[in-house]
Amino acid sequence: MMNALITKAELARLIPHPRSREAERAQDLFLAALRARDALIATGLPHAFAWVAARLGTWLRRQRVIAELESLSDRDLADIGLTRSDIARLAAEEAEPAPQPAARPTRRPVAATA
């Protein structure tokens, strides 16, 4: 047979407690953060995938350069002016995309005055 009595702890969970202004503000901030996160995911997810893909491509290029240079003998590396300690630095330089030159402002043609 079950006991129909309710404990104080169970009663405390059933009766809502009055909330302070700080607790309400914290709850509002939490909900606003969730809404902002959802909006970012909805609008920024393609950009996030593009960023991850770009970083993955950079890593793959770096690994390919390292593998190619490490497959060379010490004599072959010396012939091209490198040492084994140069491989990591060179791979990092090669994997990074080349900086794009700054766009030059276009000049507008001067209108001829009559």
C-alpha atoms as a PDB file:
ATOM      1  CA  MET A   1       0.000   0.000   0.000  1.00  0.00           C
ATOM      2  CA  MET A   2       1.296   3.430  -0.910  1.00  0.00           C
ATOM      3  CA  ASN A   3       1.591   6.301   1.514  1.00  0.00           C
ATOM      4  CA  ALA A   4      -0.490   9.256   0.336  1.00  0.00           C
ATOM      5  CA  LEU A   5       1.486  11.758   2.367  1.00  0.00           C
ATOM      6  CA  ILE A   6       3.638  14.237   0.477  1.00  0.00           C
ATOM      7  CA  THR A   7       6.996  15.299   1.831  1.00  0.00           C
ATOM      8  CA  LYS A   8       8.072  18.894   2.297  1.00  0.00           C
ATOM      9  CA  ALA A   9      10.638  18.538  -0.510  1.00  0.00           C
ATOM     10  CA  GLU A  10       7.976  17.286  -2.927  1.00  0.00           C
ATOM     11  CA  LEU A  11       5.645  20.095  -1.871  1.00  0.00           C
ATOM     12  CA  ALA A  12       8.406  22.649  -2.446  1.00  0.00           C
ATOM     13  CA  ARG A  13       8.793  21.414  -6.018  1.00  0.00           C
ATOM     14  CA  LEU A  14       5.055  21.637  -6.658  1.00  0.00           C
ATOM     15  CA  ILE A  15       4.498  25.162  -5.349  1.00  0.00           C
ATOM     16  CA  PRO A  16       6.113  27.877  -7.451  1.00  0.00           C
ATOM     17  CA  HIS A  17       8.427  30.159  -5.532  1.00  0.00           C
ATOM     18  CA  PRO A  18       8.210  33.906  -5.894  1.00  0.00           C
ATOM     19  CA  ARG A  19      11.008  35.020  -8.217  1.00  0.00           C
ATOM     20  CA  SER A  20      13.302  37.918  -7.574  1.00  0.00           C
ATOM     21  CA  ARG A  21      13.993  40.612 -10.125  1.00  0.00           C
ATOM     22  CA  GLU A  22      17.532  39.289 -10.552  1.00  0.00           C
ATOM     23  CA  ALA A  23      16.256  35.779 -11.281  1.00  0.00           C
ATOM     24  CA  GLU A  24      13.761  37.131 -13.823  1.00  0.00           C
ATOM     25  CA  ARG A  25      16.492  39.237 -15.458  1.00  0.00           C
ATOM     26  CA  ALA A  26      18.812  36.227 -15.622  1.00  0.00           C
ATOM     27  CA  GLN A  27      16.032  34.158 -17.198  1.00  0.00           C
ATOM     28  CA  ASP A  28      15.318  36.923 -19.746  1.00  0.00           C
ATOM     29  CA  LEU A  29      19.024  37.178 -20.640  1.00  0.00           C
ATOM     30  CA  PHE A  30      19.240  33.414 -21.017  1.00  0.00           C
ATOM     31  CA  LEU A  31      16.231  33.339 -23.343  1.00  0.00           C
ATOM     32  CA  ALA A  32      17.629  36.278 -25.368  1.00  0.00           C
ATOM     33  CA  ALA A  33      20.929  34.413 -25.751  1.00  0.00           C
ATOM     34  CA  LEU A  34      19.077  31.335 -26.981  1.00  0.00           C
ATOM     35  CA  ARG A  35      17.164  33.404 -29.533  1.00  0.00           C
ATOM     36  CA  ALA A  36      20.400  35.050 -30.732  1.00  0.00           C
ATOM     37  CA  ARG A  37      22.074  31.649 -31.041  1.00  0.00           C
ATOM     38  CA  ASP A  38      19.142  30.307 -33.050  1.00  0.00           C
ATOM     39  CA  ALA A  39      19.196  33.352 -35.344  1.00  0.00           C
ATOM     40  CA  LEU A  40      22.946  32.955 -35.882  1.00  0.00           C
ATOM     41  CA  ILE A  41      22.545  29.304 -36.722  1.00  0.00           C
ATOM     42  CA  ALA A  42      19.704  30.101 -39.113  1.00  0.00           C
ATOM     43  CA  THR A  43      21.607  32.801 -40.984  1.00  0.00           C
ATOM     44  CA  GLY A  44      25.287  32.064 -40.388  1.00  0.00           C
ATOM     45  CA  LEU A  45      25.456  28.311 -40.844  1.00  0.00           C
ATOM     46  CA  PRO A  46      26.499  28.417 -44.517  1.00  0.00           C
ATOM     47  CA  HIS A  47      29.318  30.798 -43.541  1.00  0.00           C
ATOM     48  CA  ALA A  48      30.376  28.467 -40.743  1.00  0.00           C
ATOM     49  CA  PHE A  49      30.539  25.543 -43.175  1.00  0.00           C
ATOM     50  CA  ALA A  50      32.550  27.625 -45.634  1.00  0.00           C
ATOM     51  CA  TRP A  51      34.988  28.589 -42.859  1.00  0.00           C
ATOM     52  CA  VAL A  52      35.414  24.956 -41.780  1.00  0.00           C
ATOM     53  CA  ALA A  53      35.893  23.862 -45.397  1.00  0.00           C
ATOM     54  CA  ALA A  54      38.524  26.560 -45.956  1.00  0.00           C
ATOM     55  CA  ARG A  55      40.408  25.576 -42.806  1.00  0.00           C
ATOM     56  CA  LEU A  56      40.248  21.908 -43.784  1.00  0.00           C
ATOM     57  CA  GLY A  57      41.568  22.719 -47.248  1.00  0.00           C
ATOM     58  CA  THR A  58      44.451  24.679 -45.736  1.00  0.00           C
ATOM     59  CA  TRP A  59      45.313  21.784 -43.434  1.00  0.00           C
ATOM     60  CA  LEU A  60      45.198  19.280 -46.308  1.00  0.00           C
ATOM     61  CA  ARG A  61      47.485  21.431 -48.481  1.00  0.00           C
ATOM     62  CA  ARG A  62      49.929  21.764 -45.598  1.00  0.00           C
ATOM     63  CA  GLN A  63      49.956  18.003 -45.020  1.00  0.00           C
ATOM     64  CA  ARG A  64      50.544  17.376 -48.729  1.00  0.00           C
ATOM     65  CA  VAL A  65      53.511  19.767 -48.812  1.00  0.00           C
ATOM     66  CA  ILE A  66      54.987  18.171 -45.686  1.00  0.00           C
ATOM     67  CA  ALA A  67      54.586  14.658 -47.123  1.00  0.00           C
ATOM     68  CA  GLU A  68      56.221  15.622 -50.423  1.00  0.00           C
ATOM     69  CA  LEU A  69      59.175  17.341 -48.770  1.00  0.00           C
ATOM     70  CA  GLU A  70      59.690  14.587 -46.197  1.00  0.00           C
ATOM     71  CA  SER A  71      59.801  12.011 -48.984  1.00  0.00           C
ATOM     72  CA  LEU A  72      62.912  13.716 -50.381  1.00  0.00           C
ATOM     73  CA  SER A  73      66.370  12.638 -49.258  1.00  0.00           C
ATOM     74  CA  ASP A  74      68.642  14.992 -47.322  1.00  0.00           C
ATOM     75  CA  ARG A  75      70.748  15.403 -50.461  1.00  0.00           C
ATOM     76  CA  ASP A  76      67.676  16.359 -52.558  1.00  0.00           C
ATOM     77  CA  LEU A  77      66.626  18.862 -49.906  1.00  0.00           C
ATOM     78  CA  ALA A  78      70.136  20.335 -49.880  1.00  0.00           C
ATOM     79  CA  ASP A  79      70.019  20.640 -53.688  1.00  0.00           C
ATOM     80  CA  ILE A  80      66.968  22.899 -53.422  1.00  0.00           C
ATOM     81  CA  GLY A  81      68.459  24.814 -50.487  1.00  0.00           C
ATOM     82  CA  LEU A  82      66.393  23.327 -47.640  1.00  0.00           C
ATOM     83  CA  THR A  83      67.020  21.362 -44.482  1.00  0.00           C
ATOM     84  CA  ARG A  84      64.639  19.070 -42.615  1.00  0.00           C
ATOM     85  CA  SER A  85      64.027  21.810 -40.076  1.00  0.00           C
ATOM     86  CA  ASP A  86      62.764  24.108 -42.865  1.00  0.00           C
ATOM     87  CA  ILE A  87      59.941  21.751 -43.856  1.00  0.00           C
ATOM     88  CA  ALA A  88      57.375  22.833 -41.223  1.00  0.00           C
ATOM     89  CA  ARG A  89      57.987  26.540 -41.868  1.00  0.00           C
ATOM     90  CA  LEU A  90      57.802  26.140 -45.619  1.00  0.00           C
ATOM     91  CA  ALA A  91      54.648  24.041 -45.403  1.00  0.00           C
ATOM     92  CA  ALA A  92      52.965  26.691 -43.257  1.00  0.00           C
ATOM     93  CA  GLU A  93      53.873  29.380 -45.788  1.00  0.00           C
ATOM     94  CA  GLU A  94      52.701  27.318 -48.756  1.00  0.00           C
ATOM     95  CA  ALA A  95      49.401  26.306 -47.174  1.00  0.00           C
ATOM     96  CA  GLU A  96      48.299  29.855 -46.410  1.00  0.00           C
ATOM     97  CA  PRO A  97      46.542  31.520 -49.311  1.00  0.00           C
ATOM     98  CA  ALA A  98      48.479  34.311 -50.928  1.00  0.00           C
ATOM     99  CA  PRO A  99      47.326  37.744 -49.809  1.00  0.00           C
ATOM    100  CA  GLN A 100      45.143  39.424 -52.375  1.00  0.00           C
ATOM    101  CA  PRO A 101      46.400  42.784 -53.611  1.00  0.00           C
ATOM    102  CA  ALA A 102      44.319  45.720 -52.477  1.00  0.00           C
ATOM    103  CA  ALA A 103      41.791  46.845 -55.023  1.00  0.00           C
ATOM    104  CA  ARG A 104      42.889  50.000 -56.738  1.00  0.00           C
ATOM    105  CA  PRO A 105      40.305  52.725 -56.935  1.00  0.00           C
ATOM    106  CA  THR A 106      39.051  53.238 -60.431  1.00  0.00           C
ATOM    107  CA  ARG A 107      39.367  56.673 -61.909  1.00  0.00           C
ATOM    108  CA  ARG A 108      36.305  58.264 -63.320  1.00  0.00           C
ATOM    109  CA  PRO A 109      36.729  59.872 -66.694  1.00  0.00           C
ATOM    110  CA  VAL A 110      36.799  63.615 -66.489  1.00  0.00           C
ATOM    111  CA  ALA A 111      33.832  65.143 -68.227  1.00  0.00           C
ATOM    112  CA  ALA A 112      34.839  67.549 -70.936  1.00  0.00           C
ATOM    113  CA  THR A 113      33.616  71.050 -70.290  1.00  0.00           C
ATOM    114  CA  ALA A 114      32.366  72.984 -73.241  1.00  0.00           C
END
